[in-house]
Amino acid sequence: MATATDKSSGFTFTGWHFLAIILSFFGVVIAVNFTMAWYASQSWSGLVAENTFVASQQFNGKAAHMRAMEATGIRGELTANRGGIRYVLTHPERGPIAADEVVASFHRPVGTQQDFAVTLKHEGDGVFTTDHEVLPGEWIVDLKTNDKGEMVYHEAIRVHVFPNR
């Protein structure tokens, strides 16, 4: 029978050992939390809307506007890569859409550092292009097509630009 005075292993677990284990555990947890918080603050602007109350009041009007644009029957096809941007506007019955300009606003879903807007040149037959380079990754693209100062078509789409394409 073993007694309290037996020292078979030579190791005694003391309060200092317990303190070291607890401090190590919480030190790792705190270090991970600070690391994740730093990465979050560096990668997301936190800005979803300038004023969320005003944005909520405008939501139904914007949704109705986009439904009206969808009902026109016009369809846009966007191609974006390192070589540039190409946007083709057609109607199933009328063919190519005539317009003066297309303004494309590219926004990253997270962060604002790489956002940009560009005006595409009319090439004829509903084709609009520019040689502006688009970096690989996810983009939300807001496309506004105008003819003689009046908006002909407006759409917002999400695209993925692949590297080396």
Protein backbone atom coordinates (compact mmCIF):
# COMPACT_ATOMS: atom_id res chain seq x y z
CA MET A 1 0.00 0.00 0.00
CA ALA A 2 1.33 3.40 -0.99
CA THR A 3 1.53 6.16 1.54
CA ALA A 4 1.84 9.92 1.20
CA THR A 5 5.54 9.70 1.87
CA ASP A 6 6.30 7.35 -1.06
CA LYS A 7 8.20 9.10 -3.87
CA SER A 8 8.14 6.53 -6.66
CA SER A 9 8.10 8.96 -9.59
CA GLY A 10 10.08 11.80 -8.13
CA PHE A 11 7.61 14.43 -9.43
CA THR A 12 5.16 16.39 -7.29
CA PHE A 13 2.45 18.43 -8.97
CA THR A 14 2.36 21.75 -7.13
CA GLY A 15 0.33 24.92 -7.29
CA TRP A 16 3.08 26.51 -9.43
CA HIS A 17 2.62 23.83 -12.07
CA PHE A 18 -1.12 24.45 -12.08
CA LEU A 19 -0.56 28.21 -12.39
CA ALA A 20 1.81 27.68 -15.35
CA ILE A 21 -0.74 25.48 -17.16
CA ILE A 22 -3.59 27.97 -16.60
CA LEU A 23 -1.48 30.95 -17.73
CA SER A 24 -0.29 29.04 -20.82
CA PHE A 25 -3.84 28.08 -21.77
CA PHE A 26 -5.29 31.58 -21.42
CA GLY A 27 -2.17 33.09 -23.02
CA VAL A 28 -2.79 31.02 -26.15
CA VAL A 29 -6.51 31.95 -26.17
CA ILE A 30 -5.75 35.67 -25.81
CA ALA A 31 -3.00 35.55 -28.46
CA VAL A 32 -5.34 33.86 -30.94
CA ASN A 33 -8.13 36.39 -30.22
CA PHE A 34 -5.80 39.36 -30.75
CA THR A 35 -4.44 37.83 -33.96
CA MET A 36 -7.94 37.23 -35.35
CA ALA A 37 -9.06 40.72 -34.34
CA TRP A 38 -6.03 42.24 -36.10
CA TYR A 39 -6.71 40.30 -39.32
CA ALA A 40 -10.39 41.28 -39.19
CA SER A 41 -9.58 44.97 -38.77
CA GLN A 42 -7.08 44.85 -41.67
CA SER A 43 -9.35 43.05 -44.14
CA TRP A 44 -12.81 44.57 -43.67
CA SER A 45 -13.69 48.22 -43.76
CA GLY A 46 -16.75 47.61 -41.60
CA LEU A 47 -18.63 49.99 -43.87
CA VAL A 48 -21.76 48.44 -45.31
CA ALA A 49 -23.78 51.64 -45.63
CA GLU A 50 -22.97 55.24 -44.77
CA ASN A 51 -26.22 55.56 -42.83
CA THR A 52 -28.05 52.29 -42.19
CA PHE A 53 -31.34 54.03 -41.32
CA VAL A 54 -31.41 55.92 -44.63
CA ALA A 55 -30.35 52.78 -46.52
CA SER A 56 -33.22 50.83 -44.97
CA GLN A 57 -35.67 53.54 -46.02
CA GLN A 58 -34.41 53.41 -49.62
CA PHE A 59 -34.34 49.62 -49.94
CA ASN A 60 -37.88 49.11 -51.32
CA GLY A 61 -37.41 51.84 -53.93
CA LYS A 62 -34.11 50.35 -55.10
CA ALA A 63 -35.63 46.85 -55.23
CA ALA A 64 -38.55 48.15 -57.33
CA HIS A 65 -36.10 49.93 -59.66
CA MET A 66 -34.10 46.73 -60.20
CA ARG A 67 -37.31 44.73 -60.86
CA ALA A 68 -38.31 47.34 -63.47
CA MET A 69 -34.90 47.01 -65.17
CA GLU A 70 -35.27 43.21 -65.18
CA ALA A 71 -38.72 43.53 -66.78
CA THR A 72 -37.32 45.41 -69.81
CA GLY A 73 -36.02 42.11 -71.19
CA ILE A 74 -32.55 43.56 -71.78
CA ARG A 75 -29.73 41.19 -70.93
CA GLY A 76 -26.13 42.09 -70.22
CA GLU A 77 -23.11 39.83 -70.47
CA LEU A 78 -19.97 40.93 -68.66
CA THR A 79 -16.46 39.59 -69.26
CA ALA A 80 -13.69 40.92 -67.01
CA ASN A 81 -10.07 39.84 -66.71
CA ARG A 82 -6.50 41.16 -66.74
CA GLY A 83 -6.93 42.08 -70.41
CA GLY A 84 -9.88 44.39 -69.82
CA ILE A 85 -13.65 44.58 -69.55
CA ARG A 86 -16.24 43.71 -72.21
CA TYR A 87 -19.98 44.22 -71.73
CA VAL A 88 -22.58 43.20 -74.32
CA LEU A 89 -26.17 44.44 -74.09
CA THR A 90 -28.91 42.74 -76.10
CA HIS A 91 -32.68 42.35 -76.17
CA PRO A 92 -34.14 38.99 -77.25
CA GLU A 93 -36.41 40.62 -79.85
CA ARG A 94 -34.75 43.96 -80.71
CA GLY A 95 -31.14 42.75 -80.78
CA PRO A 96 -28.23 44.97 -79.71
CA ILE A 97 -29.05 47.89 -77.39
CA ALA A 98 -28.03 51.40 -78.46
CA ALA A 99 -26.44 53.50 -75.72
CA ASP A 100 -23.87 56.26 -75.30
CA GLU A 101 -21.95 54.88 -72.34
CA VAL A 102 -21.74 52.24 -69.67
CA VAL A 103 -20.29 53.10 -66.28
CA ALA A 104 -19.02 50.05 -64.39
CA SER A 105 -18.26 50.33 -60.68
CA PHE A 106 -16.22 47.41 -59.33
CA HIS A 107 -16.33 46.78 -55.57
CA ARG A 108 -14.73 44.03 -53.52
CA PRO A 109 -17.20 42.25 -51.22
CA VAL A 110 -14.73 42.87 -48.38
CA GLY A 111 -12.60 45.99 -48.20
CA THR A 112 -12.51 49.13 -50.29
CA GLN A 113 -8.82 49.48 -51.19
CA GLN A 114 -9.16 48.06 -54.73
CA ASP A 115 -12.57 49.52 -55.69
CA PHE A 116 -12.74 51.47 -58.94
CA ALA A 117 -15.16 52.86 -61.52
CA VAL A 118 -14.57 53.02 -65.26
CA THR A 119 -16.51 54.24 -68.30
CA LEU A 120 -16.70 51.67 -71.10
CA LYS A 121 -16.41 52.85 -74.72
CA HIS A 122 -19.13 52.00 -77.23
CA GLU A 123 -17.73 49.68 -79.90
CA GLY A 124 -20.98 49.14 -81.83
CA ASP A 125 -23.77 46.51 -81.83
CA GLY A 126 -24.33 46.78 -78.08
CA VAL A 127 -20.67 46.08 -77.25
CA PHE A 128 -18.83 48.24 -74.70
CA THR A 129 -15.17 47.76 -73.81
CA THR A 130 -12.17 49.15 -71.99
CA ASP A 131 -8.64 47.87 -71.48
CA HIS A 132 -8.71 48.52 -67.71
CA GLU A 133 -7.14 45.57 -65.87
CA VAL A 134 -9.32 43.71 -63.36
CA LEU A 135 -7.46 41.86 -60.63
CA PRO A 136 -8.41 38.24 -59.87
CA GLY A 137 -10.95 37.48 -57.15
CA GLU A 138 -14.55 38.27 -56.23
CA TRP A 139 -16.15 41.52 -57.41
CA ILE A 140 -19.57 43.12 -57.16
CA VAL A 141 -20.11 45.11 -60.35
CA ASP A 142 -22.71 47.89 -60.66
CA LEU A 143 -23.35 48.62 -64.36
CA LYS A 144 -25.31 51.71 -65.45
CA THR A 145 -26.09 52.11 -69.15
CA ASN A 146 -27.07 55.60 -70.37
CA ASP A 147 -28.33 56.84 -73.73
CA LYS A 148 -28.71 60.59 -74.33
CA GLY A 149 -28.53 61.26 -70.59
CA GLU A 150 -31.28 58.79 -69.70
CA MET A 151 -30.71 55.46 -67.96
CA VAL A 152 -31.48 52.58 -70.33
CA TYR A 153 -30.43 49.68 -68.14
CA HIS A 154 -28.97 49.14 -64.68
CA GLU A 155 -27.79 45.92 -63.12
CA ALA A 156 -25.61 44.78 -60.26
CA ILE A 157 -23.90 41.41 -60.54
CA ARG A 158 -21.31 39.40 -58.68
CA VAL A 159 -18.44 37.99 -60.73
CA HIS A 160 -15.31 35.99 -60.08
CA VAL A 161 -12.23 36.93 -62.09
CA PHE A 162 -9.85 34.02 -62.48
CA PRO A 163 -6.09 34.54 -62.70
CA ASN A 164 -4.43 34.06 -66.12
CA ARG A 165 -7.65 34.23 -68.11
